[in-house]
C-alpha atoms as a PDB file:
ATOM      1  CA  MET A   1      73.812 166.498 108.190  1.00  0.00           C
ATOM      2  CA  PHE A   2      72.330 163.360 106.683  1.00  0.00           C
ATOM      3  CA  ALA A   3      72.411 164.879 103.221  1.00  0.00           C
ATOM      4  CA  GLN A   4      76.041 165.777 103.615  1.00  0.00           C
ATOM      5  CA  THR A   5      76.905 162.185 104.603  1.00  0.00           C
ATOM      6  CA  ALA A   6      75.016 160.805 101.643  1.00  0.00           C
ATOM      7  CA  LEU A   7      76.937 163.074  99.300  1.00  0.00           C
ATOM      8  CA  LEU A   8      80.317 161.759 100.465  1.00  0.00           C
ATOM      9  CA  PRO A   9      82.221 159.746  97.841  1.00  0.00           C
ATOM     10  CA  SER A  10      81.759 155.978  98.226  1.00  0.00           C
ATOM     11  CA  GLY A  11      85.435 155.618  99.089  1.00  0.00           C
ATOM     12  CA  TRP A  12      84.992 157.802 102.160  1.00  0.00           C
ATOM     13  CA  ARG A  13      81.960 155.826 103.293  1.00  0.00           C
ATOM     14  CA  VAL A  14      83.948 152.555 103.421  1.00  0.00           C
ATOM     15  CA  LEU A  15      86.915 154.181 105.121  1.00  0.00           C
ATOM     16  CA  PRO A  16      85.742 153.333 108.666  1.00  0.00           C
ATOM     17  CA  ALA A  17      85.394 149.678 107.716  1.00  0.00           C
ATOM     18  CA  LEU A  18      88.865 149.627 106.207  1.00  0.00           C
ATOM     19  CA  LEU A  19      90.343 151.260 109.300  1.00  0.00           C
ATOM     20  CA  PHE A  20      88.595 148.667 111.445  1.00  0.00           C
ATOM     21  CA  LEU A  21      90.065 145.813 109.402  1.00  0.00           C
ATOM     22  CA  ILE A  22      93.534 147.356 109.511  1.00  0.00           C
ATOM     23  CA  LEU A  23      93.366 147.525 113.283  1.00  0.00           C
ATOM     24  CA  VAL A  24      91.621 144.219 113.948  1.00  0.00           C
ATOM     25  CA  LEU A  25      93.241 141.777 111.500  1.00  0.00           C
ATOM     26  CA  PRO A  26      96.751 141.999 112.988  1.00  0.00           C
ATOM     27  CA  ALA A  27      95.218 141.410 116.408  1.00  0.00           C
ATOM     28  CA  LEU A  28      93.352 138.349 115.143  1.00  0.00           C
ATOM     29  CA  SER A  29      96.491 136.997 113.525  1.00  0.00           C
ATOM     30  CA  GLY A  30      98.528 137.586 116.652  1.00  0.00           C
ATOM     31  CA  CYS A  31      96.082 135.758 118.879  1.00  0.00           C
ATOM     32  CA  GLY A  32      95.983 132.605 116.750  1.00  0.00           C
ATOM     33  CA  PHE A  33      92.963 133.241 114.554  1.00  0.00           C
ATOM     34  CA  ASN A  34      94.809 131.901 111.500  1.00  0.00           C
ATOM     35  CA  THR A  35      96.155 128.799 113.236  1.00  0.00           C
ATOM     36  CA  ILE A  36      93.222 126.512 112.457  1.00  0.00           C
ATOM     37  CA  PRO A  37      92.715 127.386 108.753  1.00  0.00           C
ATOM     38  CA  THR A  38      96.459 127.292 108.158  1.00  0.00           C
ATOM     39  CA  ALA A  39      96.816 123.841 109.722  1.00  0.00           C
ATOM     40  CA  GLU A  40      93.727 122.649 107.860  1.00  0.00           C
ATOM     41  CA  GLU A  41      95.094 123.702 104.479  1.00  0.00           C
ATOM     42  CA  GLN A  42      98.451 122.077 105.219  1.00  0.00           C
ATOM     43  CA  ALA A  43      96.711 118.808 106.098  1.00  0.00           C
ATOM     44  CA  LYS A  44      94.631 118.947 102.920  1.00  0.00           C
ATOM     45  CA  ALA A  45      97.750 119.586 100.838  1.00  0.00           C
ATOM     46  CA  ALA A  46      99.463 116.604 102.458  1.00  0.00           C
ATOM     47  CA  TRP A  47      96.389 114.467 101.713  1.00  0.00           C
ATOM     48  CA  SER A  48      96.471 115.517  98.065  1.00  0.00           C
ATOM     49  CA  GLU A  49     100.041 114.262  97.832  1.00  0.00           C
ATOM     50  CA  VAL A  50      99.012 110.923  99.362  1.00  0.00           C
ATOM     51  CA  LEU A  51      96.313 110.582  96.708  1.00  0.00           C
ATOM     52  CA  ASN A  52      98.742 111.533  93.939  1.00  0.00           C
ATOM     53  CA  GLN A  53     101.206 108.837  94.929  1.00  0.00           C
ATOM     54  CA  TYR A  54      98.567 106.144  95.328  1.00  0.00           C
ATOM     55  CA  GLN A  55      97.229 107.059  91.893  1.00  0.00           C
ATOM     56  CA  ARG A  56     100.739 106.853  90.458  1.00  0.00           C
ATOM     57  CA  ARG A  57     101.009 103.320  91.833  1.00  0.00           C
ATOM     58  CA  ALA A  58      97.633 102.373  90.384  1.00  0.00           C
ATOM     59  CA  ASP A  59      98.717 103.666  86.970  1.00  0.00           C
ATOM     60  CA  LEU A  60     101.782 101.401  86.988  1.00  0.00           C
ATOM     61  CA  ILE A  61      99.867  98.209  87.745  1.00  0.00           C
ATOM     62  CA  PRO A  62      98.282  97.445  84.329  1.00  0.00           C
ATOM     63  CA  ASN A  63     101.681  97.401  82.596  1.00  0.00           C
ATOM     64  CA  LEU A  64     103.184  95.424  85.454  1.00  0.00           C
ATOM     65  CA  VAL A  65     100.455  92.786  85.257  1.00  0.00           C
ATOM     66  CA  GLU A  66     100.759  92.507  81.469  1.00  0.00           C
ATOM     67  CA  THR A  67     104.530  92.111  81.691  1.00  0.00           C
ATOM     68  CA  VAL A  68     104.297  89.406  84.341  1.00  0.00           C
ATOM     69  CA  LYS A  69     101.523  87.672  82.417  1.00  0.00           C
ATOM     70  CA  GLY A  70     103.849  87.301  79.430  1.00  0.00           C
ATOM     71  CA  TYR A  71     106.161  85.079  81.483  1.00  0.00           C
ATOM     72  CA  ALA A  72     103.846  83.631  84.128  1.00  0.00           C
ATOM     73  CA  SER A  73     100.393  83.462  82.594  1.00  0.00           C
ATOM     74  CA  HIS A  74      99.493  80.387  84.643  1.00  0.00           C
ATOM     75  CA  GLU A  75      99.770  82.445  87.855  1.00  0.00           C
ATOM     76  CA  LYS A  76      96.172  83.358  87.183  1.00  0.00           C
ATOM     77  CA  ASP A  77      94.959  83.702  90.774  1.00  0.00           C
ATOM     78  CA  VAL A  78      97.759  86.072  91.750  1.00  0.00           C
ATOM     79  CA  LEU A  79      97.345  88.201  88.638  1.00  0.00           C
ATOM     80  CA  GLU A  80      93.585  88.415  89.043  1.00  0.00           C
ATOM     81  CA  GLY A  81      94.061  89.290  92.705  1.00  0.00           C
ATOM     82  CA  VAL A  82      96.125  92.342  91.768  1.00  0.00           C
ATOM     83  CA  VAL A  83      93.622  93.457  89.129  1.00  0.00           C
ATOM     84  CA  GLU A  84      90.702  93.101  91.533  1.00  0.00           C
ATOM     85  CA  ALA A  85      92.548  94.883  94.339  1.00  0.00           C
ATOM     86  CA  ARG A  86      93.414  97.751  92.009  1.00  0.00           C
ATOM     87  CA  ALA A  87      89.779  98.047  90.937  1.00  0.00           C
ATOM     88  CA  LYS A  88      88.649  98.262  94.551  1.00  0.00           C
ATOM     89  CA  ALA A  89      91.291 100.822  95.419  1.00  0.00           C
ATOM     90  CA  THR A  90      90.428 103.094  92.500  1.00  0.00           C
ATOM     91  CA  GLN A  91      86.648 102.810  92.779  1.00  0.00           C
ATOM     92  CA  VAL A  92      86.448 104.405  96.218  1.00  0.00           C
ATOM     93  CA  THR A  93      85.037 107.912  95.889  1.00  0.00           C
ATOM     94  CA  VAL A  94      87.340 110.365  97.654  1.00  0.00           C
ATOM     95  CA  THR A  95      85.906 113.765  98.554  1.00  0.00           C
ATOM     96  CA  PRO A  96      87.009 116.518 100.961  1.00  0.00           C
ATOM     97  CA  GLU A  97      84.530 115.061 103.452  1.00  0.00           C
ATOM     98  CA  THR A  98      86.467 111.770 103.432  1.00  0.00           C
ATOM     99  CA  LEU A  99      89.031 113.259 105.804  1.00  0.00           C
ATOM    100  CA  SER A 100      86.477 113.766 108.560  1.00  0.00           C
ATOM    101  CA  ASN A 101      84.420 110.628 107.835  1.00  0.00           C
ATOM    102  CA  PRO A 102      85.761 107.584 109.744  1.00  0.00           C
ATOM    103  CA  ASP A 103      83.935 105.008 107.593  1.00  0.00           C
ATOM    104  CA  ALA A 104      84.958 106.540 104.259  1.00  0.00           C
ATOM    105  CA  PHE A 105      88.542 106.960 105.358  1.00  0.00           C
ATOM    106  CA  LYS A 106      88.713 103.383 106.630  1.00  0.00           C
ATOM    107  CA  ALA A 107      87.321 102.092 103.324  1.00  0.00           C
ATOM    108  CA  PHE A 108      90.021 104.002 101.451  1.00  0.00           C
ATOM    109  CA  GLN A 109      92.739 102.761 103.788  1.00  0.00           C
ATOM    110  CA  ASP A 110      91.576  99.126 103.712  1.00  0.00           C
ATOM    111  CA  ASN A 111      91.441  99.056  99.908  1.00  0.00           C
ATOM    112  CA  GLN A 112      94.911 100.535  99.563  1.00  0.00           C
ATOM    113  CA  ALA A 113      96.221  98.026 102.100  1.00  0.00           C
ATOM    114  CA  GLY A 114      94.585  95.239 100.085  1.00  0.00           C
ATOM    115  CA  LEU A 115      96.362  96.435  96.960  1.00  0.00           C
ATOM    116  CA  THR A 116      99.668  96.542  98.809  1.00  0.00           C
ATOM    117  CA  SER A 117      99.196  92.918  99.886  1.00  0.00           C
ATOM    118  CA  ALA A 118      98.221  91.805  96.384  1.00  0.00           C
ATOM    119  CA  LEU A 119     101.301  93.476  94.927  1.00  0.00           C
ATOM    120  CA  SER A 120     103.495  91.798  97.523  1.00  0.00           C
ATOM    121  CA  ARG A 121     102.143  88.392  96.504  1.00  0.00           C
ATOM    122  CA  LEU A 122     102.689  89.141  92.814  1.00  0.00           C
ATOM    123  CA  LEU A 123     106.252  90.295  93.305  1.00  0.00           C
ATOM    124  CA  ALA A 124     107.022  87.254  95.447  1.00  0.00           C
ATOM    125  CA  VAL A 125     105.888  85.027  92.556  1.00  0.00           C
ATOM    126  CA  VAL A 126     108.273  86.840  90.214  1.00  0.00           C
ATOM    127  CA  GLU A 127     111.189  85.374  92.183  1.00  0.00           C
ATOM    128  CA  ASN A 128     110.443  82.063  90.459  1.00  0.00           C
ATOM    129  CA  TYR A 129     110.981  83.517  86.948  1.00  0.00           C
ATOM    130  CA  PRO A 130     114.583  84.579  86.306  1.00  0.00           C
ATOM    131  CA  ASP A 131     113.827  85.484  82.678  1.00  0.00           C
ATOM    132  CA  LEU A 132     111.083  87.850  83.814  1.00  0.00           C
ATOM    133  CA  LYS A 133     113.382  89.444  86.379  1.00  0.00           C
ATOM    134  CA  ALA A 134     115.858  90.184  83.609  1.00  0.00           C
ATOM    135  CA  ASN A 135     113.258  91.660  81.259  1.00  0.00           C
ATOM    136  CA  GLN A 136     114.037  95.337  80.565  1.00  0.00           C
ATOM    137  CA  ASN A 137     110.420  96.402  80.698  1.00  0.00           C
ATOM    138  CA  PHE A 138     109.967  94.679  84.030  1.00  0.00           C
ATOM    139  CA  LEU A 139     113.164  96.234  85.377  1.00  0.00           C
ATOM    140  CA  ALA A 140     111.900  99.699  84.439  1.00  0.00           C
ATOM    141  CA  LEU A 141     108.539  99.031  86.071  1.00  0.00           C
ATOM    142  CA  GLN A 142     110.311  97.629  89.110  1.00  0.00           C
ATOM    143  CA  ALA A 143     112.307 100.844  89.533  1.00  0.00           C
ATOM    144  CA  GLN A 144     109.214 103.012  89.104  1.00  0.00           C
ATOM    145  CA  LEU A 145     107.207 100.948  91.571  1.00  0.00           C
ATOM    146  CA  GLU A 146     109.993 101.025  94.126  1.00  0.00           C
ATOM    147  CA  GLY A 147     110.240 104.799  93.826  1.00  0.00           C
ATOM    148  CA  THR A 148     106.479 105.164  94.109  1.00  0.00           C
ATOM    149  CA  GLU A 149     106.282 103.003  97.212  1.00  0.00           C
ATOM    150  CA  ASN A 150     108.962 105.161  98.811  1.00  0.00           C
ATOM    151  CA  ARG A 151     107.060 108.322  97.885  1.00  0.00           C
ATOM    152  CA  ILE A 152     103.854 106.829  99.308  1.00  0.00           C
ATOM    153  CA  ALA A 153     105.631 106.207 102.603  1.00  0.00           C
ATOM    154  CA  VAL A 154     106.933 109.791 102.696  1.00  0.00           C
ATOM    155  CA  ALA A 155     103.571 111.290 101.699  1.00  0.00           C
ATOM    156  CA  ARG A 156     101.764 109.216 104.306  1.00  0.00           C
ATOM    157  CA  ARG A 157     104.260 110.251 106.975  1.00  0.00           C
ATOM    158  CA  ASP A 158     103.852 113.935 106.085  1.00  0.00           C
ATOM    159  CA  TYR A 159     100.073 113.593 106.166  1.00  0.00           C
ATOM    160  CA  ILE A 160     100.153 111.930 109.578  1.00  0.00           C
ATOM    161  CA  GLU A 161     102.187 114.825 110.964  1.00  0.00           C
ATOM    162  CA  ALA A 162     100.013 117.496 109.299  1.00  0.00           C
ATOM    163  CA  VAL A 163      96.850 115.919 110.698  1.00  0.00           C
ATOM    164  CA  ARG A 164      98.409 115.664 114.143  1.00  0.00           C
ATOM    165  CA  VAL A 165      99.104 119.404 114.071  1.00  0.00           C
ATOM    166  CA  TYR A 166      95.634 120.268 112.744  1.00  0.00           C
ATOM    167  CA  ASN A 167      93.755 118.055 115.191  1.00  0.00           C
ATOM    168  CA  THR A 168      95.817 119.472 118.036  1.00  0.00           C
ATOM    169  CA  THR A 169      94.811 123.029 117.144  1.00  0.00           C
ATOM    170  CA  LEU A 170      91.143 122.061 117.527  1.00  0.00           C
ATOM    171  CA  ARG A 171      91.530 120.988 121.141  1.00  0.00           C
ATOM    172  CA  THR A 172      94.331 123.064 122.668  1.00  0.00           C
ATOM    173  CA  PHE A 173      94.394 126.600 124.011  1.00  0.00           C
ATOM    174  CA  PRO A 174      94.140 129.261 122.651  1.00  0.00           C
ATOM    175  CA  SER A 175      93.042 127.925 119.244  1.00  0.00           C
ATOM    176  CA  ILE A 176      90.276 125.873 120.872  1.00  0.00           C
ATOM    177  CA  LEU A 177      88.507 129.172 121.530  1.00  0.00           C
ATOM    178  CA  TRP A 178      88.424 129.921 117.810  1.00  0.00           C
ATOM    179  CA  ALA A 179      87.246 126.359 117.139  1.00  0.00           C
ATOM    180  CA  THR A 180      84.419 126.795 119.649  1.00  0.00           C
ATOM    181  CA  PHE A 181      83.177 130.227 118.668  1.00  0.00           C
ATOM    182  CA  TRP A 182      84.274 130.762 115.056  1.00  0.00           C
ATOM    183  CA  PHE A 183      85.396 127.613 113.182  1.00  0.00           C
ATOM    184  CA  THR A 184      82.481 125.592 114.492  1.00  0.00           C
ATOM    185  CA  GLY A 185      82.228 123.457 111.343  1.00  0.00           C
ATOM    186  CA  ASN A 186      85.803 122.177 111.539  1.00  0.00           C
ATOM    187  CA  GLU A 187      86.046 118.513 112.457  1.00  0.00           C
ATOM    188  CA  PRO A 188      89.166 116.472 113.299  1.00  0.00           C
ATOM    189  CA  PHE A 189      90.674 114.679 110.305  1.00  0.00           C
ATOM    190  CA  GLN A 190      91.066 110.924 110.178  1.00  0.00           C
ATOM    191  CA  ASN A 191      94.537 109.468 110.194  1.00  0.00           C
ATOM    192  CA  PHE A 192      96.231 106.265 109.105  1.00  0.00           C
ATOM    193  CA  THR A 193      96.280 103.556 111.742  1.00  0.00           C
ATOM    194  CA  VAL A 194      99.492 102.232 113.221  1.00  0.00           C
ATOM    195  CA  ALA A 195      99.061  98.974 111.308  1.00  0.00           C
ATOM    196  CA  GLU A 196      98.846 100.807 107.970  1.00  0.00           C
ATOM    197  CA  ASP A 197     101.725 103.107 108.785  1.00  0.00           C
ATOM    198  CA  LYS A 198     103.995 100.182 109.678  1.00  0.00           C
ATOM    199  CA  MET A 199     102.920  97.988 106.775  1.00  0.00           C
ATOM    200  CA  GLU A 200     105.834  96.730 104.737  1.00  0.00           C
ATOM    201  CA  THR A 201     105.889  97.995 101.196  1.00  0.00           C
ATOM    202  CA  PRO A 202     106.268  95.456  98.384  1.00  0.00           C
ATOM    203  CA  LYS A 203     109.808  94.166  98.033  1.00  0.00           C
ATOM    204  CA  VAL A 204     110.858  95.134  94.540  1.00  0.00           C
ATOM    205  CA  ASP A 205     114.644  95.077  94.797  1.00  0.00           C
ATOM    206  CA  PHE A 206     115.500  91.643  93.436  1.00  0.00           C
ATOM    207  CA  GLY A 207     119.168  92.279  92.853  1.00  0.00           C
ATOM    208  CA  THR A 208     121.129  90.207  90.354  1.00  0.00           C
ATOM    209  CA  LYS A 209     120.939  86.820  92.024  1.00  0.00           C
ATOM    210  CA  GLN A 210     119.738  84.102  89.665  1.00  0.00           C
ATOM    211  CA  GLY A 211     118.122  80.866  90.665  1.00  0.00           C
ATOM    212  CA  GLY A 212     119.768  77.461  90.804  1.00  0.00           C
END
Protein backbone atom coordinates (compact mmCIF):
# COMPACT_ATOMS: atom_id res chain seq x y z
CA MET A 1 0.00 0.00 0.00
CA PHE A 2 2.86 2.33 0.84
CA ALA A 3 4.54 1.60 -2.47
CA GLN A 4 1.38 2.38 -4.34
CA THR A 5 1.08 5.76 -2.58
CA ALA A 6 4.67 6.61 -3.36
CA LEU A 7 4.10 5.86 -7.02
CA LEU A 8 1.23 8.34 -7.30
CA PRO A 9 1.98 11.40 -9.47
CA SER A 10 3.08 14.43 -7.44
CA GLY A 11 -0.08 16.26 -8.47
CA TRP A 12 -2.23 13.65 -6.77
CA ARG A 13 -0.17 13.83 -3.59
CA VAL A 14 -0.86 17.58 -3.18
CA LEU A 15 -4.53 17.21 -4.01
CA PRO A 16 -5.64 16.85 -0.36
CA ALA A 17 -3.83 20.06 0.54
CA LEU A 18 -5.45 21.91 -2.34
CA LEU A 19 -8.89 20.64 -1.36
CA PHE A 20 -8.24 21.78 2.20
CA LEU A 21 -7.31 25.28 1.03
CA ILE A 22 -10.35 25.47 -1.24
CA LEU A 23 -12.60 24.63 1.67
CA VAL A 24 -10.86 26.64 4.38
CA LEU A 25 -9.89 29.91 2.66
CA PRO A 26 -13.47 31.05 1.95
CA ALA A 27 -14.30 30.32 5.58
CA LEU A 28 -11.33 32.38 6.77
CA SER A 29 -12.29 35.24 4.49
CA GLY A 30 -15.89 35.13 5.64
CA CYS A 31 -14.98 35.27 9.30
CA GLY A 32 -12.75 38.34 8.98
CA PHE A 33 -9.33 36.79 8.55
CA ASN A 34 -8.45 39.29 5.82
CA THR A 35 -9.70 42.34 7.71
CA ILE A 36 -6.45 43.15 9.50
CA PRO A 37 -4.00 42.76 6.56
CA THR A 38 -6.38 44.62 4.26
CA ALA A 39 -6.70 47.56 6.66
CA GLU A 40 -2.95 47.52 7.26
CA GLU A 41 -2.14 47.76 3.56
CA GLN A 42 -4.65 50.58 3.09
CA ALA A 43 -3.05 52.52 5.94
CA LYS A 44 0.42 51.98 4.49
CA ALA A 45 -0.76 53.16 1.07
CA ALA A 46 -2.24 56.29 2.65
CA TRP A 47 1.05 56.90 4.47
CA SER A 48 2.98 56.61 1.21
CA GLU A 49 0.81 59.36 -0.26
CA VAL A 50 1.51 61.58 2.76
CA LEU A 51 5.24 61.09 2.22
CA ASN A 52 4.91 61.80 -1.51
CA GLN A 53 3.18 65.12 -0.91
CA TYR A 54 5.60 66.23 1.80
CA GLN A 55 8.47 65.38 -0.53
CA ARG A 56 6.82 67.38 -3.31
CA ARG A 57 6.70 70.38 -0.98
CA ALA A 58 10.35 69.92 -0.02
CA ASP A 59 11.32 69.83 -3.70
CA LEU A 60 9.64 73.20 -4.32
CA ILE A 61 11.43 75.02 -1.51
CA PRO A 62 14.92 75.53 -3.03
CA ASN A 63 13.49 77.38 -6.05
CA LEU A 64 11.13 79.33 -3.82
CA VAL A 65 13.97 80.45 -1.55
CA GLU A 66 16.16 81.45 -4.50
CA THR A 67 13.34 83.45 -6.06
CA VAL A 68 12.59 85.29 -2.83
CA LYS A 69 16.29 85.88 -2.22
CA GLY A 70 16.52 87.74 -5.53
CA TYR A 71 14.12 90.40 -4.23
CA ALA A 72 14.58 90.20 -0.46
CA SER A 73 18.12 89.04 0.16
CA HIS A 74 18.33 91.00 3.41
CA GLU A 75 15.59 88.80 4.92
CA LYS A 76 18.42 86.49 5.84
CA ASP A 77 17.00 85.05 9.07
CA VAL A 78 13.70 84.07 7.47
CA LEU A 79 15.38 82.53 4.44
CA GLU A 80 17.85 80.58 6.55
CA GLY A 81 15.00 79.43 8.77
CA VAL A 82 13.25 77.83 5.80
CA VAL A 83 16.44 76.15 4.58
CA GLU A 84 17.20 74.76 8.03
CA ALA A 85 13.63 73.57 8.55
CA ARG A 86 13.68 71.82 5.18
CA ALA A 87 16.95 70.10 6.07
CA LYS A 88 15.49 68.82 9.32
CA ALA A 89 12.32 67.61 7.64
CA THR A 90 14.17 65.71 4.93
CA GLN A 91 16.86 64.21 7.15
CA VAL A 92 14.46 62.16 9.25
CA THR A 93 14.78 58.50 8.31
CA VAL A 94 11.34 57.09 7.53
CA THR A 95 10.94 53.32 7.58
CA PRO A 96 7.91 51.00 7.78
CA GLU A 97 8.58 50.76 11.52
CA THR A 98 8.03 54.53 11.84
CA LEU A 99 4.27 53.99 11.78
CA SER A 100 4.32 51.94 14.98
CA ASN A 101 7.11 53.89 16.70
CA PRO A 102 5.74 56.86 18.71
CA ASP A 103 9.10 58.65 19.00
CA ALA A 104 10.01 58.31 15.32
CA PHE A 105 6.57 59.37 14.20
CA LYS A 106 6.60 62.38 16.52
CA ALA A 107 10.02 63.43 15.19
CA PHE A 108 8.68 63.27 11.64
CA GLN A 109 5.55 65.20 12.56
CA ASP A 110 7.42 67.88 14.54
CA ASN A 111 9.89 68.50 11.72
CA GLN A 112 7.15 68.82 9.12
CA ALA A 113 5.27 71.20 11.41
CA GLY A 114 8.46 73.24 11.80
CA LEU A 115 8.77 73.50 8.03
CA THR A 116 5.16 74.59 7.75
CA SER A 117 5.79 77.39 10.26
CA ALA A 118 8.98 78.49 8.50
CA LEU A 119 7.16 78.65 5.17
CA SER A 120 4.38 80.69 6.74
CA ARG A 121 6.91 83.24 7.99
CA LEU A 122 8.59 83.42 4.59
CA LEU A 123 5.35 83.93 2.71
CA ALA A 124 4.26 86.60 5.19
CA VAL A 125 7.47 88.52 4.42
CA VAL A 126 6.68 88.38 0.71
CA GLU A 127 3.70 90.66 1.34
CA ASN A 128 6.19 93.51 1.71
CA TYR A 129 7.58 93.05 -1.83
CA PRO A 130 5.04 93.84 -4.55
CA ASP A 131 7.61 93.29 -7.32
CA LEU A 132 8.31 89.80 -6.02
CA LYS A 133 4.60 89.01 -5.84
CA ALA A 134 4.29 89.93 -9.50
CA ASN A 135 7.28 87.85 -10.59
CA GLN A 136 6.17 85.08 -12.98
CA ASN A 137 8.48 82.50 -11.49
CA PHE A 138 7.20 83.26 -8.02
CA LEU A 139 3.59 83.12 -9.21
CA ALA A 140 4.19 79.66 -10.68
CA LEU A 141 5.84 78.47 -7.47
CA GLN A 142 3.02 80.00 -5.47
CA ALA A 143 0.43 78.01 -7.43
CA GLN A 144 2.41 74.78 -7.07
CA LEU A 145 2.91 75.29 -3.35
CA GLU A 146 -0.75 76.06 -2.81
CA GLY A 147 -1.74 72.91 -4.67
CA THR A 148 0.76 70.85 -2.72
CA GLU A 149 -0.45 72.15 0.63
CA ASN A 150 -3.99 71.20 -0.35
CA ARG A 151 -2.84 67.72 -1.37
CA ILE A 152 -0.96 67.36 1.93
CA ALA A 153 -4.15 68.17 3.81
CA VAL A 154 -6.12 65.59 1.80
CA ALA A 155 -3.41 62.92 2.12
CA ARG A 156 -3.14 63.51 5.86
CA ARG A 157 -6.92 63.29 6.24
CA ASP A 158 -7.03 60.01 4.29
CA TYR A 159 -4.20 58.60 6.39
CA ILE A 160 -5.94 59.54 9.63
CA GLU A 161 -9.06 57.69 8.52
CA ALA A 162 -7.13 54.64 7.27
CA VAL A 163 -5.24 54.37 10.55
CA ARG A 164 -8.46 54.74 12.52
CA VAL A 165 -9.92 51.78 10.62
CA TYR A 166 -6.76 49.67 11.00
CA ASN A 167 -6.30 50.37 14.70
CA THR A 168 -9.96 49.59 15.29
CA THR A 169 -9.61 46.16 13.69
CA LEU A 170 -6.88 45.30 16.21
CA ARG A 171 -9.12 45.83 19.22
CA THR A 172 -12.69 45.02 18.15
CA PHE A 173 -14.50 41.72 17.74
CA PRO A 174 -14.17 39.49 15.76
CA SER A 175 -10.89 40.73 14.23
CA ILE A 176 -9.32 41.02 17.69
CA LEU A 177 -9.29 37.22 17.76
CA TRP A 178 -7.12 37.13 14.65
CA ALA A 179 -4.89 39.84 16.15
CA THR A 180 -4.47 37.77 19.32
CA PHE A 181 -3.85 34.36 17.82
CA TRP A 182 -2.56 34.97 14.28
CA PHE A 183 -1.40 38.55 13.54
CA THR A 184 0.47 38.80 16.81
CA GLY A 185 3.18 41.07 15.38
CA ASN A 186 0.75 43.77 14.24
CA GLU A 187 0.97 46.95 16.29
CA PRO A 188 -1.32 50.01 16.19
CA PHE A 189 -0.11 52.75 13.85
CA GLN A 190 0.67 56.24 15.05
CA ASN A 191 -1.52 59.08 13.90
CA PHE A 192 -1.25 62.83 13.50
CA THR A 193 -2.21 64.80 16.58
CA VAL A 194 -5.15 67.17 16.63
CA ALA A 195 -2.79 70.15 16.68
CA GLU A 196 -1.04 68.99 13.49
CA ASP A 197 -4.28 68.13 11.75
CA LYS A 198 -5.74 71.57 12.47
CA MET A 199 -2.57 73.49 11.66
CA GLU A 200 -3.13 76.24 9.13
CA THR A 201 -1.30 75.72 5.88
CA PRO A 202 0.83 78.58 4.55
CA LYS A 203 -1.23 81.36 3.02
CA VAL A 204 -0.09 81.56 -0.58
CA ASP A 205 -3.04 83.27 -2.26
CA PHE A 206 -1.92 86.89 -2.36
CA GLY A 207 -4.44 88.07 -4.90
CA THR A 208 -3.79 91.18 -6.98
CA LYS A 209 -3.79 93.80 -4.25
CA GLN A 210 -0.73 96.03 -4.37
CA GLY A 211 0.70 97.98 -1.50
CA GLY A 212 0.30 101.69 -0.86
